[in-house]
Every structure is written in C-alpha cells, then in structure tokens.
C-alpha cells in the first residue's frame, strides 16, 4: 500500500515538472508543444512533439518566439 502511494506521488511529481511551450510563427499561429522544441542546426528546423504526441518539424525562420508556459 505504501509503495503504491509513493509510486503515485513520484509519477505526479514528474508530470508536474514537465512544461508546455508555445511557439509563435510569422503568420500569427500559436503552436503548443509538450516538450521544449529542439533546434537541429544541420537542417535549420525545430523538432517538437504536438499535443497528440506526434513528432513535428518547423523551419527556424518561421518561428518568431518560443515561450515556456
């Protein structure tokens, strides 16, 4: 019983630590990602995961700002 409660508390702590990020684009879109977008310098594109967990890429030049939510 105590192990289960401890496990649940740890899982909730991990979920609470994850942050969402919002990227604004030149054309006015606001894109929400579940993880911090990573820039691939060789391709010039940001890699991120959308709300459905799919891997998505967007050109660095199209992104104007990235904000942690």
PDB file of N, CA and C in Angstrom:
ATOM      1  N   UNK A   1       0.825  -1.194   0.000  1.00  0.00           N
ATOM      2  CA  UNK A   1       0.000   0.000   0.000  1.00  0.00           C
ATOM      3  C   UNK A   1       0.867   1.255   0.000  1.00  0.00           C
ATOM      4  N   UNK A   2       1.875   1.299   0.902  1.00  0.00           N
ATOM      5  CA  UNK A   2       2.745   2.471   0.975  1.00  0.00           C
ATOM      6  C   UNK A   2       3.568   2.639  -0.294  1.00  0.00           C
ATOM      7  N   UNK A   3       3.987   1.518  -0.903  1.00  0.00           N
ATOM      8  CA  UNK A   3       4.764   1.589  -2.139  1.00  0.00           C
ATOM      9  C   UNK A   3       3.929   2.163  -3.272  1.00  0.00           C
ATOM     10  N   UNK A   4       2.662   1.803  -3.308  1.00  0.00           N
ATOM     11  CA  UNK A   4       1.763   2.311  -4.338  1.00  0.00           C
ATOM     12  C   UNK A   4       1.576   3.817  -4.197  1.00  0.00           C
ATOM     13  N   UNK A   5       1.382   4.278  -2.989  1.00  0.00           N
ATOM     14  CA  UNK A   5       1.214   5.711  -2.738  1.00  0.00           C
ATOM     15  C   UNK A   5       2.484   6.465  -3.108  1.00  0.00           C
ATOM     16  N   UNK A   6       3.636   5.911  -2.750  1.00  0.00           N
ATOM     17  CA  UNK A   6       4.913   6.531  -3.080  1.00  0.00           C
ATOM     18  C   UNK A   6       5.111   6.590  -4.590  1.00  0.00           C
ATOM     19  N   UNK A   7       4.774   5.521  -5.283  1.00  0.00           N
ATOM     20  CA  UNK A   7       4.892   5.482  -6.742  1.00  0.00           C
ATOM     21  C   UNK A   7       3.986   6.528  -7.392  1.00  0.00           C
ATOM     22  N   UNK A   8       2.760   6.633  -6.935  1.00  0.00           N
ATOM     23  CA  UNK A   8       1.838   7.625  -7.475  1.00  0.00           C
ATOM     24  C   UNK A   8       2.328   9.055  -7.217  1.00  0.00           C
ATOM     25  N   UNK A   9       2.877   9.301  -6.035  1.00  0.00           N
ATOM     26  CA  UNK A   9       3.406  10.623  -5.713  1.00  0.00           C
ATOM     27  C   UNK A   9       4.581  10.972  -6.622  1.00  0.00           C
ATOM     28  N   UNK A  10       5.443  10.012  -6.901  1.00  0.00           N
ATOM     29  CA  UNK A  10       6.584  10.240  -7.799  1.00  0.00           C
ATOM     30  C   UNK A  10       6.117  10.524  -9.224  1.00  0.00           C
ATOM     31  N   UNK A  11       5.127   9.770  -9.691  1.00  0.00           N
ATOM     32  CA  UNK A  11       4.608   9.992 -11.037  1.00  0.00           C
ATOM     33  C   UNK A  11       3.954  11.367 -11.169  1.00  0.00           C
ATOM     34  N   UNK A  12       3.209  11.765 -10.164  1.00  0.00           N
ATOM     35  CA  UNK A  12       2.593  13.093 -10.191  1.00  0.00           C
ATOM     36  C   UNK A  12       3.654  14.188 -10.182  1.00  0.00           C
ATOM     37  N   UNK A  13       4.722  13.962  -9.455  1.00  0.00           N
ATOM     38  CA  UNK A  13       5.818  14.928  -9.426  1.00  0.00           C
ATOM     39  C   UNK A  13       6.473  15.076 -10.778  1.00  0.00           C
ATOM     40  N   UNK A  14       6.652  13.972 -11.489  1.00  0.00           N
ATOM     41  CA  UNK A  14       7.247  14.029 -12.820  1.00  0.00           C
ATOM     42  C   UNK A  14       6.344  14.740 -13.813  1.00  0.00           C
ATOM     43  N   UNK A  15       5.062  14.489 -13.727  1.00  0.00           N
ATOM     44  CA  UNK A  15       4.108  15.146 -14.620  1.00  0.00           C
ATOM     45  C   UNK A  15       4.067  16.644 -14.339  1.00  0.00           C
ATOM     46  N   UNK A  16       4.129  17.022 -13.098  1.00  0.00           N
ATOM     47  CA  UNK A  16       4.073  18.433 -12.740  1.00  0.00           C
ATOM     48  C   UNK A  16       5.315  19.176 -13.206  1.00  0.00           C
ATOM     49  N   UNK A  17       6.438  18.484 -13.354  1.00  0.00           N
ATOM     50  CA  UNK A  17       7.682  19.125 -13.769  1.00  0.00           C
ATOM     51  C   UNK A  17       7.746  19.366 -15.267  1.00  0.00           C
ATOM     52  N   UNK A  18       6.986  18.636 -16.046  1.00  0.00           N
ATOM     53  CA  UNK A  18       7.039  18.833 -17.485  1.00  0.00           C
ATOM     54  C   UNK A  18       6.322  20.125 -17.852  1.00  0.00           C
ATOM     55  N   UNK A  19       6.865  20.810 -18.819  1.00  0.00           N
ATOM     56  CA  UNK A  19       6.324  22.100 -19.221  1.00  0.00           C
ATOM     57  C   UNK A  19       5.855  22.056 -20.665  1.00  0.00           C
ATOM     58  N   UNK A  20       4.899  22.879 -20.950  1.00  0.00           N
ATOM     59  CA  UNK A  20       4.482  23.079 -22.326  1.00  0.00           C
ATOM     60  C   UNK A  20       5.150  24.347 -22.833  1.00  0.00           C
ATOM     61  N   UNK A  21       5.375  24.395 -24.125  1.00  0.00           N
ATOM     62  CA  UNK A  21       5.960  25.562 -24.762  1.00  0.00           C
ATOM     63  C   UNK A  21       5.029  26.043 -25.854  1.00  0.00           C
ATOM     64  N   UNK A  22       5.014  27.350 -26.043  1.00  0.00           N
ATOM     65  CA  UNK A  22       4.204  27.947 -27.100  1.00  0.00           C
ATOM     66  C   UNK A  22       5.144  28.638 -28.074  1.00  0.00           C
ATOM     67  N   UNK A  23       4.993  28.279 -29.349  1.00  0.00           N
ATOM     68  CA  UNK A  23       5.788  28.910 -30.401  1.00  0.00           C
ATOM     69  C   UNK A  23       4.872  29.802 -31.215  1.00  0.00           C
ATOM     70  N   UNK A  24       5.292  31.040 -31.412  1.00  0.00           N
ATOM     71  CA  UNK A  24       4.547  31.916 -32.308  1.00  0.00           C
ATOM     72  C   UNK A  24       5.289  31.967 -33.635  1.00  0.00           C
ATOM     73  N   UNK A  25       4.522  32.013 -34.713  1.00  0.00           N
ATOM     74  CA  UNK A  25       5.108  31.984 -36.046  1.00  0.00           C
ATOM     75  C   UNK A  25       4.890  33.324 -36.743  1.00  0.00           C
ATOM     76  N   UNK A  26       5.585  33.505 -37.848  1.00  0.00           N
ATOM     77  CA  UNK A  26       5.480  34.749 -38.616  1.00  0.00           C
ATOM     78  C   UNK A  26       4.066  34.992 -39.134  1.00  0.00           C
ATOM     79  N   UNK A  27       3.335  33.918 -39.405  1.00  0.00           N
ATOM     80  CA  UNK A  27       1.979  34.082 -39.938  1.00  0.00           C
ATOM     81  C   UNK A  27       0.914  34.154 -38.839  1.00  0.00           C
ATOM     82  N   UNK A  28       1.352  34.282 -37.566  1.00  0.00           N
ATOM     83  CA  UNK A  28       0.421  34.518 -36.468  1.00  0.00           C
ATOM     84  C   UNK A  28      -0.086  33.276 -35.760  1.00  0.00           C
ATOM     85  N   UNK A  29       0.371  32.103 -36.139  1.00  0.00           N
ATOM     86  CA  UNK A  29      -0.080  30.883 -35.469  1.00  0.00           C
ATOM     87  C   UNK A  29       0.588  30.764 -34.105  1.00  0.00           C
ATOM     88  N   UNK A  30      -0.127  30.148 -33.173  1.00  0.00           N
ATOM     89  CA  UNK A  30       0.396  29.834 -31.856  1.00  0.00           C
ATOM     90  C   UNK A  30       0.379  28.314 -31.740  1.00  0.00           C
ATOM     91  N   UNK A  31       1.569  27.717 -31.685  1.00  0.00           N
ATOM     92  CA  UNK A  31       1.700  26.262 -31.666  1.00  0.00           C
ATOM     93  C   UNK A  31       2.110  25.825 -30.271  1.00  0.00           C
ATOM     94  N   UNK A  32       1.372  24.879 -29.705  1.00  0.00           N
ATOM     95  CA  UNK A  32       1.685  24.349 -28.386  1.00  0.00           C
ATOM     96  C   UNK A  32       2.440  23.042 -28.539  1.00  0.00           C
ATOM     97  N   UNK A  33       3.545  22.910 -27.809  1.00  0.00           N
ATOM     98  CA  UNK A  33       4.286  21.651 -27.812  1.00  0.00           C
ATOM     99  C   UNK A  33       4.397  21.139 -26.387  1.00  0.00           C
ATOM    100  N   UNK A  34       4.445  19.831 -26.251  1.00  0.00           N
ATOM    101  CA  UNK A  34       4.513  19.220 -24.927  1.00  0.00           C
ATOM    102  C   UNK A  34       5.935  19.118 -24.394  1.00  0.00           C
ATOM    103  N   UNK A  35       6.909  19.456 -25.210  1.00  0.00           N
ATOM    104  CA  UNK A  35       8.302  19.446 -24.771  1.00  0.00           C
ATOM    105  C   UNK A  35       9.010  20.639 -25.402  1.00  0.00           C
ATOM    106  N   UNK A  36      10.176  20.962 -24.894  1.00  0.00           N
ATOM    107  CA  UNK A  36      10.915  22.096 -25.431  1.00  0.00           C
ATOM    108  C   UNK A  36      11.370  21.767 -26.855  1.00  0.00           C
ATOM    109  N   UNK A  37      11.037  22.632 -27.803  1.00  0.00           N
ATOM    110  CA  UNK A  37      11.478  22.395 -29.177  1.00  0.00           C
ATOM    111  C   UNK A  37      13.005  22.386 -29.260  1.00  0.00           C
ATOM    112  N   UNK A  38      13.537  21.444 -30.026  1.00  0.00           N
ATOM    113  CA  UNK A  38      14.981  21.318 -30.184  1.00  0.00           C
ATOM    114  C   UNK A  38      15.358  21.735 -31.590  1.00  0.00           C
ATOM    115  N   UNK A  39      16.371  22.592 -31.697  1.00  0.00           N
ATOM    116  CA  UNK A  39      16.817  23.062 -32.994  1.00  0.00           C
ATOM    117  C   UNK A  39      17.859  22.106 -33.563  1.00  0.00           C
ATOM    118  N   UNK A  40      17.596  21.612 -34.765  1.00  0.00           N
ATOM    119  CA  UNK A  40      18.565  20.806 -35.492  1.00  0.00           C
ATOM    120  C   UNK A  40      19.350  21.772 -36.376  1.00  0.00           C
ATOM    121  N   UNK A  41      20.570  22.069 -35.989  1.00  0.00           N
ATOM    122  CA  UNK A  41      21.361  23.079 -36.687  1.00  0.00           C
ATOM    123  C   UNK A  41      21.732  22.651 -38.100  1.00  0.00           C
ATOM    124  N   UNK A  42      21.778  21.361 -38.362  1.00  0.00           N
ATOM    125  CA  UNK A  42      22.134  20.913 -39.710  1.00  0.00           C
ATOM    126  C   UNK A  42      21.012  21.158 -40.712  1.00  0.00           C
ATOM    127  N   UNK A  43      19.761  21.060 -40.252  1.00  0.00           N
ATOM    128  CA  UNK A  43      18.623  21.275 -41.152  1.00  0.00           C
ATOM    129  C   UNK A  43      17.994  22.650 -40.969  1.00  0.00           C
ATOM    130  N   UNK A  44      18.272  23.321 -39.846  1.00  0.00           N
ATOM    131  CA  UNK A  44      17.653  24.622 -39.573  1.00  0.00           C
ATOM    132  C   UNK A  44      16.188  24.500 -39.205  1.00  0.00           C
ATOM    133  N   UNK A  45      15.806  23.379 -38.618  1.00  0.00           N
ATOM    134  CA  UNK A  45      14.408  23.167 -38.264  1.00  0.00           C
ATOM    135  C   UNK A  45      14.281  22.810 -36.792  1.00  0.00           C
ATOM    136  N   UNK A  46      13.168  23.281 -36.189  1.00  0.00           N
ATOM    137  CA  UNK A  46      12.836  22.904 -34.817  1.00  0.00           C
ATOM    138  C   UNK A  46      12.061  21.595 -34.851  1.00  0.00           C
ATOM    139  N   UNK A  47      12.414  20.709 -33.944  1.00  0.00           N
ATOM    140  CA  UNK A  47      11.716  19.441 -33.771  1.00  0.00           C
ATOM    141  C   UNK A  47      10.967  19.512 -32.446  1.00  0.00           C
ATOM    142  N   UNK A  48       9.671  19.193 -32.472  1.00  0.00           N
ATOM    143  CA  UNK A  48       8.874  19.197 -31.250  1.00  0.00           C
ATOM    144  C   UNK A  48       7.788  18.142 -31.354  1.00  0.00           C
ATOM    145  N   UNK A  49       7.136  17.888 -30.220  1.00  0.00           N
ATOM    146  CA  UNK A  49       6.027  16.944 -30.178  1.00  0.00           C
ATOM    147  C   UNK A  49       4.743  17.716 -29.916  1.00  0.00           C
ATOM    148  N   UNK A  50       3.749  17.482 -30.753  1.00  0.00           N
ATOM    149  CA  UNK A  50       2.485  18.196 -30.592  1.00  0.00           C
ATOM    150  C   UNK A  50       1.652  17.584 -29.472  1.00  0.00           C
ATOM    151  N   UNK A  51       0.454  18.112 -29.278  1.00  0.00           N
ATOM    152  CA  UNK A  51      -0.410  17.665 -28.184  1.00  0.00           C
ATOM    153  C   UNK A  51      -0.841  16.208 -28.331  1.00  0.00           C
ATOM    154  N   UNK A  52      -0.792  15.670 -29.559  1.00  0.00           N
ATOM    155  CA  UNK A  52      -1.155  14.274 -29.792  1.00  0.00           C
ATOM    156  C   UNK A  52       0.041  13.342 -29.717  1.00  0.00           C
ATOM    157  N   UNK A  53       1.227  13.898 -29.407  1.00  0.00           N
ATOM    158  CA  UNK A  53       2.427  13.088 -29.278  1.00  0.00           C
ATOM    159  C   UNK A  53       3.152  12.824 -30.588  1.00  0.00           C
ATOM    160  N   UNK A  54       2.719  13.478 -31.662  1.00  0.00           N
ATOM    161  CA  UNK A  54       3.367  13.290 -32.957  1.00  0.00           C
ATOM    162  C   UNK A  54       4.597  14.185 -33.082  1.00  0.00           C
ATOM    163  N   UNK A  55       5.619  13.670 -33.733  1.00  0.00           N
ATOM    164  CA  UNK A  55       6.834  14.435 -33.967  1.00  0.00           C
ATOM    165  C   UNK A  55       6.595  15.381 -35.149  1.00  0.00           C
ATOM    166  N   UNK A  56       6.886  16.680 -34.942  1.00  0.00           N
ATOM    167  CA  UNK A  56       6.633  17.685 -35.962  1.00  0.00           C
ATOM    168  C   UNK A  56       7.882  18.542 -36.125  1.00  0.00           C
ATOM    169  N   UNK A  57       8.108  19.031 -37.340  1.00  0.00           N
ATOM    170  CA  UNK A  57       9.234  19.920 -37.596  1.00  0.00           C
ATOM    171  C   UNK A  57       8.718  21.217 -38.211  1.00  0.00           C
ATOM    172  N   UNK A  58       9.375  22.324 -37.866  1.00  0.00           N
ATOM    173  CA  UNK A  58       9.028  23.621 -38.417  1.00  0.00           C
ATOM    174  C   UNK A  58      10.330  24.384 -38.668  1.00  0.00           C
ATOM    175  N   UNK A  59      10.366  25.163 -39.734  1.00  0.00           N
ATOM    176  CA  UNK A  59      11.566  25.911 -40.078  1.00  0.00           C
ATOM    177  C   UNK A  59      11.871  26.950 -38.999  1.00  0.00           C
ATOM    178  N   UNK A  60      13.145  27.081 -38.692  1.00  0.00           N
ATOM    179  CA  UNK A  60      13.576  28.053 -37.687  1.00  0.00           C
ATOM    180  C   UNK A  60      13.178  29.469 -38.100  1.00  0.00           C
ATOM    181  N   UNK A  61      13.256  29.772 -39.383  1.00  0.00           N
ATOM    182  CA  UNK A  61      12.945  31.114 -39.864  1.00  0.00           C
ATOM    183  C   UNK A  61      11.460  31.462 -39.738  1.00  0.00           C
ATOM    184  N   UNK A  62      10.597  30.447 -39.598  1.00  0.00           N
ATOM    185  CA  UNK A  62       9.162  30.689 -39.435  1.00  0.00           C
ATOM    186  C   UNK A  62       8.769  30.983 -37.988  1.00  0.00           C
ATOM    187  N   UNK A  63       9.652  30.645 -37.033  1.00  0.00           N
ATOM    188  CA  UNK A  63       9.355  30.824 -35.610  1.00  0.00           C
ATOM    189  C   UNK A  63       9.881  32.184 -35.154  1.00  0.00           C
ATOM    190  N   UNK A  64       8.998  32.972 -34.546  1.00  0.00           N
ATOM    191  CA  UNK A  64       9.412  34.291 -34.043  1.00  0.00           C
ATOM    192  C   UNK A  64       9.726  34.278 -32.564  1.00  0.00           C
ATOM    193  N   UNK A  65       9.074  33.380 -31.798  1.00  0.00           N
ATOM    194  CA  UNK A  65       9.274  33.362 -30.353  1.00  0.00           C
ATOM    195  C   UNK A  65       8.871  32.015 -29.785  1.00  0.00           C
ATOM    196  N   UNK A  66       9.606  31.567 -28.753  1.00  0.00           N
ATOM    197  CA  UNK A  66       9.264  30.351 -28.018  1.00  0.00           C
ATOM    198  C   UNK A  66       9.156  30.730 -26.548  1.00  0.00           C
ATOM    199  N   UNK A  67       8.002  30.433 -25.954  1.00  0.00           N
ATOM    200  CA  UNK A  67       7.726  30.809 -24.571  1.00  0.00           C
ATOM    201  C   UNK A  67       7.369  29.552 -23.778  1.00  0.00           C
ATOM    202  N   UNK A  68       7.950  29.431 -22.566  1.00  0.00           N
ATOM    203  CA  UNK A  68       7.566  28.338 -21.675  1.00  0.00           C
ATOM    204  C   UNK A  68       6.262  28.701 -21.003  1.00  0.00           C
ATOM    205  N   UNK A  69       5.336  27.787 -21.010  1.00  0.00           N
ATOM    206  CA  UNK A  69       4.019  28.056 -20.434  1.00  0.00           C
ATOM    207  C   UNK A  69       3.980  27.686 -18.978  1.00  0.00           C
TER     208      UNK A  69
END
